[in-house]
Amino acid sequence: MVLFMILVVILALAVAVFWIWTIIDVARRDFKNSNERLIWLLLIILLGIIPSLVYYFVVMRPDNKGCMKVGKK
């Protein structure tokens, strides 16, 4: 039972970190339209992890140049 609780806490922390990471990326990313940024922020903040996952696969992953990326430019 204790192991299950530890796994749940670790999963919850991972989800929270991912959620915050996507909010930061939306805030820093250059969108063609400023309304697009507002819509993504509202969706991610109000609806949680599902829009974060959609944002990751639709916006962050395809161009592979996320604002949080570290290394050579």
N, C-alpha and C. Protein backbone atom coordinates (compact mmCIF):
# COMPACT_ATOMS: atom_id res chain seq x y z
N MET A 1 0.82 -1.20 0.00
CA MET A 1 0.00 0.00 0.00
C MET A 1 0.86 1.26 0.00
N VAL A 2 1.93 1.24 0.78
CA VAL A 2 2.80 2.40 0.84
C VAL A 2 3.49 2.62 -0.50
N LEU A 3 3.89 1.53 -1.14
CA LEU A 3 4.54 1.63 -2.45
C LEU A 3 3.60 2.26 -3.47
N PHE A 4 2.34 1.86 -3.43
CA PHE A 4 1.34 2.44 -4.33
C PHE A 4 1.19 3.93 -4.10
N MET A 5 1.17 4.35 -2.86
CA MET A 5 1.04 5.77 -2.55
C MET A 5 2.26 6.55 -3.03
N ILE A 6 3.43 5.98 -2.88
CA ILE A 6 4.65 6.63 -3.36
C ILE A 6 4.60 6.78 -4.87
N LEU A 7 4.16 5.74 -5.58
CA LEU A 7 4.05 5.81 -7.03
C LEU A 7 3.04 6.86 -7.47
N VAL A 8 1.95 6.97 -6.76
CA VAL A 8 0.93 7.98 -7.08
C VAL A 8 1.49 9.38 -6.87
N VAL A 9 2.23 9.59 -5.80
CA VAL A 9 2.82 10.90 -5.54
C VAL A 9 3.85 11.24 -6.62
N ILE A 10 4.67 10.29 -7.01
CA ILE A 10 5.68 10.52 -8.07
C ILE A 10 4.98 10.86 -9.38
N LEU A 11 3.92 10.13 -9.72
CA LEU A 11 3.18 10.41 -10.94
C LEU A 11 2.53 11.79 -10.89
N ALA A 12 1.97 12.15 -9.76
CA ALA A 12 1.35 13.47 -9.61
C ALA A 12 2.38 14.59 -9.76
N LEU A 13 3.55 14.39 -9.19
CA LEU A 13 4.62 15.40 -9.34
C LEU A 13 5.07 15.51 -10.79
N ALA A 14 5.19 14.39 -11.48
CA ALA A 14 5.59 14.41 -12.89
C ALA A 14 4.56 15.14 -13.74
N VAL A 15 3.29 14.90 -13.47
CA VAL A 15 2.22 15.58 -14.21
C VAL A 15 2.25 17.07 -13.92
N ALA A 16 2.46 17.46 -12.68
CA ALA A 16 2.51 18.88 -12.32
C ALA A 16 3.69 19.57 -12.98
N VAL A 17 4.84 18.92 -13.01
CA VAL A 17 6.02 19.51 -13.66
C VAL A 17 5.78 19.66 -15.15
N PHE A 18 5.19 18.65 -15.80
CA PHE A 18 4.88 18.73 -17.22
C PHE A 18 3.90 19.86 -17.50
N TRP A 19 2.88 20.02 -16.65
CA TRP A 19 1.88 21.07 -16.81
C TRP A 19 2.54 22.46 -16.72
N ILE A 20 3.39 22.65 -15.73
CA ILE A 20 4.10 23.93 -15.57
C ILE A 20 5.04 24.17 -16.74
N TRP A 21 5.71 23.13 -17.21
CA TRP A 21 6.63 23.23 -18.35
C TRP A 21 5.89 23.71 -19.60
N THR A 22 4.69 23.18 -19.85
CA THR A 22 3.95 23.62 -21.03
C THR A 22 3.45 25.06 -20.87
N ILE A 23 3.07 25.46 -19.66
CA ILE A 23 2.65 26.85 -19.45
C ILE A 23 3.82 27.80 -19.73
N ILE A 24 5.00 27.46 -19.26
CA ILE A 24 6.18 28.30 -19.50
C ILE A 24 6.49 28.35 -20.99
N ASP A 25 6.40 27.22 -21.68
CA ASP A 25 6.69 27.20 -23.11
C ASP A 25 5.70 28.06 -23.89
N VAL A 26 4.42 27.98 -23.54
CA VAL A 26 3.42 28.81 -24.21
C VAL A 26 3.72 30.29 -23.98
N ALA A 27 4.09 30.65 -22.77
CA ALA A 27 4.35 32.05 -22.44
C ALA A 27 5.57 32.59 -23.19
N ARG A 28 6.55 31.75 -23.45
CA ARG A 28 7.79 32.21 -24.09
C ARG A 28 7.82 32.05 -25.60
N ARG A 29 6.99 31.19 -26.14
CA ARG A 29 7.04 30.88 -27.58
C ARG A 29 6.51 32.05 -28.41
N ASP A 30 7.11 32.24 -29.58
CA ASP A 30 6.65 33.26 -30.53
C ASP A 30 5.59 32.65 -31.44
N PHE A 31 4.36 33.08 -31.26
CA PHE A 31 3.26 32.64 -32.10
C PHE A 31 3.04 33.67 -33.19
N LYS A 32 2.45 33.24 -34.31
CA LYS A 32 2.14 34.17 -35.39
C LYS A 32 1.05 35.15 -34.96
N ASN A 33 0.19 34.69 -34.07
CA ASN A 33 -0.94 35.49 -33.63
C ASN A 33 -0.96 35.48 -32.10
N SER A 34 -1.08 36.64 -31.49
CA SER A 34 -1.07 36.69 -30.02
C SER A 34 -2.31 36.04 -29.41
N ASN A 35 -3.39 35.97 -30.18
CA ASN A 35 -4.59 35.29 -29.68
C ASN A 35 -4.35 33.80 -29.51
N GLU A 36 -3.49 33.24 -30.34
CA GLU A 36 -3.17 31.82 -30.23
C GLU A 36 -2.51 31.52 -28.87
N ARG A 37 -1.62 32.39 -28.45
CA ARG A 37 -0.99 32.22 -27.13
C ARG A 37 -2.03 32.28 -26.02
N LEU A 38 -2.92 33.24 -26.10
CA LEU A 38 -3.95 33.39 -25.08
C LEU A 38 -4.85 32.16 -25.02
N ILE A 39 -5.24 31.65 -26.17
CA ILE A 39 -6.11 30.47 -26.21
C ILE A 39 -5.40 29.27 -25.60
N TRP A 40 -4.13 29.03 -25.97
CA TRP A 40 -3.38 27.90 -25.40
C TRP A 40 -3.23 28.06 -23.89
N LEU A 41 -2.90 29.27 -23.44
CA LEU A 41 -2.75 29.48 -21.99
C LEU A 41 -4.05 29.20 -21.25
N LEU A 42 -5.15 29.71 -21.75
CA LEU A 42 -6.43 29.49 -21.09
C LEU A 42 -6.79 28.00 -21.07
N LEU A 43 -6.60 27.33 -22.19
CA LEU A 43 -6.91 25.90 -22.25
C LEU A 43 -6.07 25.10 -21.26
N ILE A 44 -4.76 25.36 -21.27
CA ILE A 44 -3.87 24.59 -20.41
C ILE A 44 -4.11 24.88 -18.94
N ILE A 45 -4.29 26.14 -18.59
CA ILE A 45 -4.48 26.49 -17.18
C ILE A 45 -5.84 26.00 -16.67
N LEU A 46 -6.88 26.17 -17.46
CA LEU A 46 -8.22 25.83 -16.98
C LEU A 46 -8.55 24.34 -17.07
N LEU A 47 -8.01 23.65 -18.09
CA LEU A 47 -8.41 22.27 -18.30
C LEU A 47 -7.34 21.25 -17.90
N GLY A 48 -6.13 21.71 -17.64
CA GLY A 48 -5.13 20.80 -17.08
C GLY A 48 -4.29 20.02 -18.06
N ILE A 49 -4.15 18.73 -17.79
CA ILE A 49 -3.16 17.91 -18.46
C ILE A 49 -3.53 17.55 -19.91
N ILE A 50 -4.81 17.40 -20.23
CA ILE A 50 -5.19 17.00 -21.59
C ILE A 50 -4.76 18.05 -22.62
N PRO A 51 -5.07 19.34 -22.43
CA PRO A 51 -4.57 20.33 -23.38
C PRO A 51 -3.04 20.42 -23.37
N SER A 52 -2.41 20.13 -22.25
CA SER A 52 -0.95 20.13 -22.20
C SER A 52 -0.39 19.05 -23.10
N LEU A 53 -0.99 17.88 -23.07
CA LEU A 53 -0.55 16.80 -23.95
C LEU A 53 -0.79 17.14 -25.42
N VAL A 54 -1.95 17.72 -25.71
CA VAL A 54 -2.25 18.13 -27.08
C VAL A 54 -1.24 19.17 -27.54
N TYR A 55 -0.96 20.16 -26.70
CA TYR A 55 0.02 21.19 -27.04
C TYR A 55 1.39 20.59 -27.30
N TYR A 56 1.78 19.64 -26.47
CA TYR A 56 3.09 19.00 -26.64
C TYR A 56 3.20 18.32 -28.00
N PHE A 57 2.19 17.55 -28.39
CA PHE A 57 2.26 16.81 -29.63
C PHE A 57 1.95 17.65 -30.87
N VAL A 58 1.19 18.73 -30.72
CA VAL A 58 0.81 19.54 -31.88
C VAL A 58 1.79 20.69 -32.10
N VAL A 59 2.25 21.33 -31.04
CA VAL A 59 3.07 22.54 -31.18
C VAL A 59 4.54 22.28 -30.83
N MET A 60 4.80 21.74 -29.66
CA MET A 60 6.19 21.62 -29.20
C MET A 60 6.98 20.57 -29.97
N ARG A 61 6.41 19.40 -30.13
CA ARG A 61 7.16 18.30 -30.72
C ARG A 61 7.43 18.45 -32.22
N PRO A 62 6.47 18.90 -33.04
CA PRO A 62 6.73 18.95 -34.49
C PRO A 62 7.91 19.84 -34.89
N ASP A 63 8.04 21.02 -34.28
CA ASP A 63 9.13 21.89 -34.70
C ASP A 63 10.41 21.61 -33.92
N ASN A 64 10.28 20.91 -32.80
CA ASN A 64 11.44 20.47 -32.01
C ASN A 64 12.38 21.61 -31.64
N LYS A 65 11.83 22.79 -31.45
CA LYS A 65 12.65 23.94 -31.04
C LYS A 65 12.02 24.63 -29.84
N GLY A 66 11.57 23.84 -28.90
CA GLY A 66 10.91 24.37 -27.72
C GLY A 66 11.77 25.38 -26.99
N CYS A 67 11.14 26.29 -26.32
CA CYS A 67 11.85 27.34 -25.62
C CYS A 67 12.70 26.79 -24.47
N MET A 68 12.37 25.62 -24.00
CA MET A 68 13.09 25.04 -22.88
C MET A 68 14.27 24.18 -23.34
N LYS A 69 14.45 24.07 -24.64
CA LYS A 69 15.52 23.22 -25.17
C LYS A 69 16.88 23.81 -24.84
N VAL A 70 17.79 22.97 -24.42
CA VAL A 70 19.11 23.41 -24.02
C VAL A 70 20.13 22.84 -25.01
N GLY A 71 21.17 23.57 -25.26
CA GLY A 71 22.23 23.05 -26.13
C GLY A 71 22.53 24.02 -27.25
N LYS A 72 23.09 23.45 -28.33
CA LYS A 72 23.49 24.27 -29.47
C LYS A 72 22.30 24.86 -30.16
N LYS A 73 22.49 26.07 -30.69
CA LYS A 73 21.42 26.73 -31.43
C LYS A 73 21.70 26.68 -32.91
